[in-house]
Protein backbone atom coordinates (compact mmCIF):
# COMPACT_ATOMS: atom_id res chain seq x y z
CA UNK A 1 -0.09 0.06 -0.10
CA UNK A 2 1.18 3.46 -0.65
CA UNK A 3 2.14 5.92 2.10
CA UNK A 4 -0.29 8.32 0.51
CA UNK A 5 -3.16 9.35 2.57
CA UNK A 6 -6.47 8.02 0.90
CA UNK A 7 -9.00 10.11 -0.39
CA UNK A 8 -11.92 10.62 2.24
CA UNK A 9 -14.73 8.42 1.07
CA UNK A 10 -17.17 11.31 1.03
CA UNK A 11 -15.32 13.00 -1.82
CA UNK A 12 -16.02 9.79 -3.86
CA UNK A 13 -19.57 9.26 -3.06
CA UNK A 14 -20.76 12.77 -3.32
CA UNK A 15 -22.97 12.99 -6.41
CA UNK A 16 -21.94 16.56 -7.51
CA UNK A 17 -19.33 19.14 -6.68
CA UNK A 18 -20.47 22.53 -5.70
CA UNK A 19 -19.62 23.94 -9.04
CA UNK A 20 -21.04 20.98 -11.08
CA UNK A 21 -22.47 22.30 -14.48
CA UNK A 22 -20.05 25.04 -14.70
CA UNK A 23 -17.95 24.98 -17.89
CA UNK A 24 -14.54 26.52 -18.01
CA UNK A 25 -12.41 27.23 -21.02
CA UNK A 26 -8.72 27.44 -19.90
CA UNK A 27 -6.48 29.40 -22.26
CA UNK A 28 -3.80 29.78 -19.68
CA UNK A 29 -0.58 27.96 -18.99
CA UNK A 30 2.31 27.80 -16.65
CA UNK A 31 1.08 28.46 -12.96
CA UNK A 32 -1.24 31.44 -12.05
CA UNK A 33 -4.03 30.60 -14.52
CA UNK A 34 -3.82 26.91 -14.13
CA UNK A 35 -3.81 27.29 -10.42
CA UNK A 36 -7.14 29.11 -10.53
CA UNK A 37 -8.63 26.75 -13.00
CA UNK A 38 -7.50 23.68 -10.80
CA UNK A 39 -9.47 25.18 -7.84
CA UNK A 40 -12.57 25.35 -10.01
CA UNK A 41 -12.03 21.85 -11.23
CA UNK A 42 -11.57 20.55 -7.62
CA UNK A 43 -14.88 22.04 -6.87
CA UNK A 44 -16.64 20.42 -9.71
CA UNK A 45 -16.30 22.54 -12.69
CA UNK A 46 -15.70 21.10 -16.05
CA UNK A 47 -12.27 22.54 -17.20
CA UNK A 48 -11.47 22.23 -20.82
CA UNK A 49 -7.56 23.13 -21.04
CA UNK A 50 -6.46 24.35 -24.49
CA UNK A 51 -2.65 23.36 -25.29
CA UNK A 52 -0.40 23.82 -28.11
CA UNK A 53 -0.30 20.88 -30.37
CA UNK A 54 2.74 18.56 -29.96
CA UNK A 55 4.03 20.73 -27.05
CA UNK A 56 1.34 21.57 -24.58
CA UNK A 57 1.64 23.76 -21.52
CA UNK A 58 5.20 25.00 -20.98
CA UNK A 59 5.40 23.35 -17.59
CA UNK A 60 5.00 19.88 -19.10
CA UNK A 61 8.78 20.33 -20.01
CA UNK A 62 9.87 21.96 -16.91
CA UNK A 63 11.99 19.27 -15.36
CA UNK A 64 13.44 17.16 -13.99
CA UNK A 65 11.84 15.65 -12.05
CA UNK A 66 9.57 13.93 -14.71
CA UNK A 67 7.26 11.24 -14.51
CA UNK A 68 7.95 7.79 -16.25
CA UNK A 69 5.97 6.34 -18.90
CA UNK A 70 4.91 2.83 -19.22
CA UNK A 71 7.67 2.25 -21.66
CA UNK A 72 10.29 3.81 -19.44
CA UNK A 73 10.36 7.24 -21.39
CA UNK A 74 10.13 10.63 -19.41
CA UNK A 75 6.76 11.77 -19.07
CA UNK A 76 5.13 15.02 -17.98
CA UNK A 77 7.45 17.19 -15.37
CA UNK A 78 6.23 17.36 -11.78
CA UNK A 79 5.67 20.94 -12.18
CA UNK A 80 2.87 20.33 -14.63
CA UNK A 81 1.20 18.04 -12.40
CA UNK A 82 0.79 20.20 -9.31
CA UNK A 83 -1.61 22.67 -11.17
CA UNK A 84 -3.69 20.61 -13.71
CA UNK A 85 -5.74 17.94 -11.82
CA UNK A 86 -9.20 17.38 -12.96
CA UNK A 87 -8.87 18.88 -16.35
CA UNK A 88 -9.66 17.90 -19.97
CA UNK A 89 -6.69 18.67 -22.33
CA UNK A 90 -7.50 19.69 -25.94
CA UNK A 91 -4.57 20.36 -28.36
CA UNK A 92 -5.71 23.33 -30.51
CA UNK A 93 -3.64 25.85 -32.54
CA UNK A 94 -5.54 28.98 -31.87
CA UNK A 95 -3.06 30.83 -34.34
CA UNK A 96 -4.76 29.05 -37.11
CA UNK A 97 -8.29 30.38 -38.46
CA UNK A 98 -9.68 26.91 -37.93
CA UNK A 99 -8.31 26.55 -34.34
CA UNK A 100 -9.47 29.97 -33.49
CA UNK A 101 -12.86 29.52 -34.68
CA UNK A 102 -13.19 25.98 -32.59
CA UNK A 103 -11.96 28.10 -29.54
CA UNK A 104 -14.60 30.85 -30.10
CA UNK A 105 -17.37 28.03 -30.53
CA UNK A 106 -16.14 26.47 -27.14
CA UNK A 107 -16.32 29.87 -25.59
CA UNK A 108 -19.79 30.36 -26.54
CA UNK A 109 -20.78 27.15 -24.49
CA UNK A 110 -18.88 28.23 -21.50
CA UNK A 111 -19.40 30.06 -18.32
CA UNK A 112 -16.00 31.15 -17.81
CA UNK A 113 -12.75 31.91 -20.07
CA UNK A 114 -9.52 32.15 -18.06
CA UNK A 115 -6.42 33.41 -20.13
CA UNK A 116 -3.00 34.73 -19.46
CA UNK A 117 -1.73 36.17 -22.59
CA UNK A 118 -0.08 39.45 -23.09
CA UNK A 119 -2.59 42.35 -22.76
CA UNK A 120 -4.49 42.55 -26.10
CA UNK A 121 -2.74 39.37 -27.38
CA UNK A 122 -5.87 37.38 -28.10
CA UNK A 123 -7.71 40.15 -29.91
CA UNK A 124 -6.04 39.10 -33.22
CA UNK A 125 -7.69 35.77 -32.88
CA UNK A 126 -11.14 37.05 -32.10
CA UNK A 127 -10.72 35.59 -28.53
CA UNK A 128 -10.62 38.65 -26.56
CA UNK A 129 -13.39 39.67 -24.07
CA UNK A 130 -15.35 42.05 -26.38
CA UNK A 131 -15.66 39.50 -29.21
CA UNK A 132 -16.56 36.71 -27.11
CA UNK A 133 -19.07 38.62 -24.94
CA UNK A 134 -20.91 39.71 -27.97
CA UNK A 135 -21.73 36.19 -28.67
CA UNK A 136 -22.06 35.07 -24.90
CA UNK A 137 -23.27 37.92 -22.96
CA UNK A 138 -23.31 36.21 -19.67
CA UNK A 139 -19.72 35.30 -20.11
CA UNK A 140 -17.17 35.90 -17.03
CA UNK A 141 -13.80 36.51 -18.81
CA UNK A 142 -10.65 36.61 -16.49
CA UNK A 143 -7.31 38.12 -17.86
CA UNK A 144 -4.26 37.31 -15.90
CA UNK A 145 -1.22 39.42 -16.74
CA UNK A 146 2.01 40.91 -15.17
CA UNK A 147 0.79 44.38 -14.90
CA UNK A 148 -3.04 44.61 -15.84
CA UNK A 149 -4.95 46.00 -18.91
CA UNK A 150 -3.95 49.40 -18.60
CA UNK A 151 -1.14 51.64 -17.27
CA UNK A 152 2.39 52.57 -18.64
CA UNK A 153 3.62 48.68 -17.85
CA UNK A 154 0.62 47.14 -19.36
CA UNK A 155 2.40 45.89 -22.53
CA UNK A 156 5.12 44.20 -20.21
CA UNK A 157 5.42 40.43 -19.57
CA UNK A 158 5.26 39.54 -15.91
CA UNK A 159 7.14 36.57 -14.25
CA UNK A 160 6.68 35.56 -10.56
CA UNK A 161 10.40 36.22 -9.83
CA UNK A 162 10.70 39.64 -11.12
CA UNK A 163 7.28 40.54 -9.48
CA UNK A 164 8.62 39.42 -6.21
CA UNK A 165 11.50 42.06 -6.68
CA UNK A 166 9.50 44.66 -8.19
CA UNK A 167 6.60 44.53 -5.71
CA UNK A 168 8.80 44.66 -2.69
CA UNK A 169 8.64 40.97 -1.53
CA UNK A 170 12.37 40.31 -1.90
CA UNK A 171 13.23 43.63 0.17
CA UNK A 172 11.63 42.09 3.06
CA UNK A 173 12.83 38.63 2.60
CA UNK A 174 16.35 37.33 3.59
CA UNK A 175 19.04 37.98 5.99
CA UNK A 176 19.49 41.62 6.98
CA UNK A 177 22.29 43.67 5.58
CA UNK A 178 25.79 42.84 7.45
CA UNK A 179 24.63 39.17 8.33
CA UNK A 180 26.09 36.38 6.54
CA UNK A 181 24.48 35.56 3.13
CA UNK A 182 22.69 38.94 3.23
CA UNK A 183 20.80 39.56 0.04
CA UNK A 184 17.19 40.05 -1.13
CA UNK A 185 15.63 36.63 -1.44
CA UNK A 186 12.70 35.13 -3.43
CA UNK A 187 10.24 32.76 -1.62
CA UNK A 188 10.84 29.04 -2.20
CA UNK A 189 7.65 28.61 -4.41
CA UNK A 190 6.13 30.97 -6.90
CA UNK A 191 4.01 32.53 -4.28
CA UNK A 192 2.83 35.64 -6.68
CA UNK A 193 1.45 33.19 -9.04
CA UNK A 194 -0.21 31.05 -6.38
CA UNK A 195 -1.88 33.96 -4.84
CA UNK A 196 -2.93 35.46 -8.19
CA UNK A 197 -4.58 32.12 -9.08
CA UNK A 198 -6.43 32.23 -5.77
CA UNK A 199 -7.43 36.01 -6.36
CA UNK A 200 -8.61 35.16 -9.81
CA UNK A 201 -10.70 32.13 -8.61
CA UNK A 202 -12.34 34.34 -5.99
CA UNK A 203 -13.01 37.06 -8.49
CA UNK A 204 -14.50 34.40 -11.07
CA UNK A 205 -16.88 33.23 -8.29
CA UNK A 206 -17.96 36.71 -7.41
CA UNK A 207 -18.30 37.47 -11.09
CA UNK A 208 -20.57 34.46 -11.48
CA UNK A 209 -22.75 35.47 -8.62
CA UNK A 210 -23.42 38.65 -10.30
CA UNK A 211 -24.08 36.93 -13.65
CA UNK A 212 -26.52 34.86 -12.06
CA UNK A 213 -28.37 37.45 -10.44
CA UNK A 214 -28.38 39.97 -13.48
CA UNK A 215 -27.61 37.92 -16.45
CA UNK A 216 -24.77 40.07 -17.24
CA UNK A 217 -21.04 38.70 -17.63
CA UNK A 218 -17.81 40.84 -17.15
CA UNK A 219 -14.37 41.07 -17.64
CA UNK A 220 -11.82 40.37 -14.76
CA UNK A 221 -8.42 42.29 -14.85
CA UNK A 222 -5.87 40.51 -12.38
CA UNK A 223 -2.41 41.59 -12.43
CA UNK A 224 0.52 39.90 -10.51
CA UNK A 225 1.96 43.23 -9.70
CA UNK A 226 -1.28 44.41 -8.01
CA UNK A 227 -1.49 41.07 -6.23
CA UNK A 228 2.16 41.33 -4.79
CA UNK A 229 1.22 44.79 -3.55
CA UNK A 230 -1.89 43.33 -1.78
CA UNK A 231 0.34 40.58 -0.30
CA UNK A 232 2.47 42.97 1.54
CA UNK A 233 -0.28 43.24 3.91
CA UNK A 234 1.07 44.35 7.40
CA UNK A 235 4.24 45.36 5.96
CA UNK A 236 2.67 47.67 3.63
CA UNK A 237 0.50 49.29 6.68
CA UNK A 238 3.50 49.39 8.57
CA UNK A 239 5.23 51.47 5.82
CA UNK A 240 2.05 53.79 5.66
CA UNK A 241 1.87 54.29 9.36
CA UNK A 242 5.61 54.87 10.01
CA UNK A 243 6.82 56.29 6.82
CA UNK A 244 9.74 53.93 7.06
CA UNK A 245 10.21 51.14 4.33
CA UNK A 246 10.40 47.70 6.19
CA UNK A 247 13.85 45.97 5.48
CA UNK A 248 14.98 42.41 5.59
CA UNK A 249 15.01 41.06 9.11
CA UNK A 250 15.76 37.24 8.44
CA UNK A 251 13.32 35.08 10.44
CA UNK A 252 12.29 37.78 12.81
CA UNK A 253 8.79 39.14 12.65
CA UNK A 254 8.65 43.08 12.40
CA UNK A 255 5.77 43.36 14.92
CA UNK A 256 6.17 40.44 17.45
CA UNK A 257 8.96 38.93 19.46
CA UNK A 258 9.85 36.24 20.16
CA UNK A 259 8.53 34.95 16.72
CA UNK A 260 11.16 33.19 14.98
CA UNK A 261 13.02 29.71 14.85
CA UNK A 262 15.26 28.63 17.87
CA UNK A 263 17.98 25.97 17.87
CA UNK A 264 17.66 22.60 19.47
CA UNK A 265 20.01 19.81 19.76
CA UNK A 266 18.58 18.16 16.65
CA UNK A 267 17.09 20.85 14.66
CA UNK A 268 15.03 24.10 14.86
CA UNK A 269 11.53 24.79 16.35
CA UNK A 270 9.67 27.83 15.60
CA UNK A 271 8.23 29.87 18.86
CA UNK A 272 5.36 32.03 17.98
CA UNK A 273 4.52 34.30 21.06
CA UNK A 274 1.51 36.38 20.27
CA UNK A 275 0.79 37.98 23.46
CA UNK A 276 2.33 38.82 27.12
CA UNK A 277 0.59 35.88 28.51
CA UNK A 278 2.13 33.45 26.15
CA UNK A 279 5.64 34.93 26.94
CA UNK A 280 5.20 34.57 30.63
CA UNK A 281 4.26 30.88 29.87
CA UNK A 282 7.56 30.62 27.68
CA UNK A 283 9.57 32.12 30.50
CA UNK A 284 8.08 29.40 32.88
CA UNK A 285 8.73 26.50 30.51
CA UNK A 286 12.36 27.66 29.80
CA UNK A 287 12.95 28.50 33.46
CA UNK A 288 13.91 32.03 32.09
CA UNK A 289 13.49 35.24 34.23
CA UNK A 290 10.77 37.22 33.05
CA UNK A 291 12.53 40.67 33.06
CA UNK A 292 10.84 43.81 33.18
CA UNK A 293 12.48 45.00 29.83
CA UNK A 294 10.73 42.18 28.14
CA UNK A 295 7.08 42.64 29.99
CA UNK A 296 5.37 43.81 26.86
CA UNK A 297 5.48 42.94 23.15
CA UNK A 298 6.54 46.55 22.39
CA UNK A 299 9.52 46.27 24.83
CA UNK A 300 10.39 42.86 23.53
CA UNK A 301 10.39 44.13 19.77
CA UNK A 302 12.67 46.93 21.05
CA UNK A 303 15.15 44.52 23.00
CA UNK A 304 14.77 41.79 20.46
CA UNK A 305 18.69 41.54 19.99
CA UNK A 306 19.03 40.95 23.70
CA UNK A 307 15.97 38.58 24.09
CA UNK A 308 16.78 36.09 21.28
CA UNK A 309 20.05 34.79 22.63
CA UNK A 310 18.64 34.23 26.06
CA UNK A 311 16.10 32.04 24.66
CA UNK A 312 18.36 30.33 22.25
CA UNK A 313 20.80 29.57 25.16
CA UNK A 314 17.78 27.53 26.88
CA UNK A 315 16.34 25.78 23.87
CA UNK A 316 19.50 24.34 22.51
CA UNK A 317 19.65 21.88 25.34
CA UNK A 318 16.23 20.32 24.28
CA UNK A 319 15.45 18.02 21.54
CA UNK A 320 12.87 19.19 18.98
CA UNK A 321 10.41 16.95 20.46
CA UNK A 322 11.25 17.77 24.18
CA UNK A 323 10.90 21.36 23.49
CA UNK A 324 7.69 21.24 21.67
CA UNK A 325 6.28 19.09 24.61
CA UNK A 326 7.34 21.60 27.16
CA UNK A 327 5.90 24.31 25.25
CA UNK A 328 2.56 22.68 24.11
CA UNK A 329 2.10 22.07 27.84
CA UNK A 330 2.65 25.65 28.77
CA UNK A 331 0.25 26.81 25.92
CA UNK A 332 2.87 28.41 23.71
CA UNK A 333 2.43 27.96 20.07
CA UNK A 334 5.38 26.19 18.48
CA UNK A 335 6.15 24.05 15.52
CA UNK A 336 9.00 22.04 13.98
CA UNK A 337 11.16 23.49 10.86
CA UNK A 338 10.21 20.41 8.59
CA UNK A 339 11.63 19.35 5.22
CA UNK A 340 9.05 18.65 2.58
CA UNK A 341 9.21 14.99 3.03
CA UNK A 342 8.45 15.43 6.60
CA UNK A 343 5.49 17.63 5.99
CA UNK A 344 3.65 14.73 4.58
CA UNK A 345 4.84 12.26 7.36
CA UNK A 346 3.13 14.44 10.17
CA UNK A 347 0.27 12.54 11.74
CA UNK A 348 -1.83 15.62 11.06
CA UNK A 349 -1.10 15.51 7.45
CA UNK A 350 -1.94 11.78 7.10
CA UNK A 351 -5.07 12.16 9.10
CA UNK A 352 -6.31 15.21 7.00
CA UNK A 353 -5.57 13.17 3.67
CA UNK A 354 -3.03 15.86 2.36
CA UNK A 355 -1.73 13.62 -0.42
CA UNK A 356 -4.00 12.53 -3.45
CA UNK A 357 -2.95 9.60 -5.35
CA UNK A 358 -4.26 9.05 -8.91
CA UNK A 359 -3.61 6.69 -11.87
CA UNK A 360 -2.95 7.37 -15.44
CA UNK A 361 -2.91 4.60 -17.92
CA UNK A 362 0.25 5.90 -19.80
CA UNK A 363 2.35 6.21 -16.56
CA UNK A 364 4.50 3.68 -14.84
CA UNK A 365 3.59 5.00 -11.23
CA UNK A 366 0.51 6.70 -9.65
CA UNK A 367 0.46 10.66 -9.76
CA UNK A 368 0.57 12.23 -6.20
CA UNK A 369 -0.56 15.71 -5.86
CA UNK A 370 -1.42 17.85 -2.60
CA UNK A 371 -4.98 17.74 -1.85
CA UNK A 372 -7.06 21.01 -2.00
CA UNK A 373 -7.31 22.66 1.53
CA UNK A 374 -11.04 23.50 0.95
CA UNK A 375 -13.15 21.28 3.16
CA UNK A 376 -16.85 21.68 2.38
CA UNK A 377 -19.50 19.73 4.68
CA UNK A 378 -22.06 19.11 2.12
CA UNK A 379 -20.41 19.25 -1.24
CA UNK A 380 -16.84 18.03 -0.56
CA UNK A 381 -14.00 18.30 -3.04
CA UNK A 382 -13.67 15.56 -5.62
CA UNK A 383 -10.64 14.27 -7.29
CA UNK A 384 -12.35 12.51 -10.46
CA UNK A 385 -9.37 12.80 -12.80
CA UNK A 386 -5.46 13.23 -12.70
CA UNK A 387 -3.59 15.87 -14.60
CA UNK A 388 -4.44 14.89 -18.19
CA UNK A 389 -2.22 13.40 -20.84
CA UNK A 390 -1.60 15.97 -23.65
CA UNK A 391 -4.51 16.03 -25.97
CA UNK A 392 -6.36 13.27 -24.39
CA UNK A 393 -9.56 14.82 -24.75
CA UNK A 394 -9.43 16.46 -27.94
CA UNK A 395 -11.63 14.09 -30.05
CA UNK A 396 -14.12 14.09 -27.38
CA UNK A 397 -14.53 18.08 -26.95
CA UNK A 398 -14.09 18.91 -30.67
CA UNK A 399 -16.08 16.03 -31.78
CA UNK A 400 -18.97 17.38 -29.64
CA UNK A 401 -18.59 20.79 -31.28
CA UNK A 402 -18.80 19.21 -34.66
CA UNK A 403 -21.83 17.17 -33.80
CA UNK A 404 -23.52 20.52 -32.47
CA UNK A 405 -23.06 21.92 -36.15
């Protein structure tokens, strides 16, 4: 038996997902758009993914690692698998008149179109919002770009890495100036793309609600740069309130202390103190004097350089397990710094079924992806289909179009 957690039985027996009956034409590729449409697919929507003939989504080739086909050849890259579960794959050359016409006819049968071409890039194919809405007035059309549909940078391509830099995230990520290894750092996953996909799926559902109430579709304009600015959250408002731009602080928190990893004999544990009561409990668990200079959070933030080494001197005498036991008994939030393999071995991860395992006939091994975090009591997420083989649904989808005349 695989060590992957089994899919909860409710997700297999539920007759419909909450978005059953919703049809989505996915003209996007790479990550932000596919992440949005995978969310819709997990919730029961039919998602038709249009891919370039013979090549497909760029991420099919973004490896290693690659899957292995039944005959031992390299298959799809792992990158592709993470964002394309539950979709139908149709090979279609939209740059050809015939392909563009087929895409337009498909769009006329859909509730939603998602695309991430450069601003205005689909107009020449008659696949822009104005052209499709003229035929399908209730259509919700979501455009995902680097900088949006207007403004001085609207023409520019946008990539997660450059947007993390331009949007300020890298300026607050990494070790502070003067520390070993100090330089602006990107996050370890393409977090702007992922947030953009989530904002896009939220916007799509809001627009669908409006369309249901009024019969009126609309164009959604989602920009990676806008999303990155929104993601700055408290760091942006820290700047607005103080007038000072936040800087890199390593693993320290700009507004709380102690709120960072501390060393143990066999690894590191995060201690996340959110109030003064938790700090007093921490002092008790570590047999550390609760000095007046650390009595409030504001004082601890002001004196963080003195506080951190005092705590570290105590924690390094514990094993990770021993420290977490002591802190949990005291009611102090804490957690291990896990490697990715350790994440999915956590008893909580196993219990919650965070790994989904699916089979695809052309591959030598099952496909494993991370389960959706959405838990609905009446209409649970379903995992009806693995990430598709390139073009596996072309005949079915385009054949249905021909049958409709």
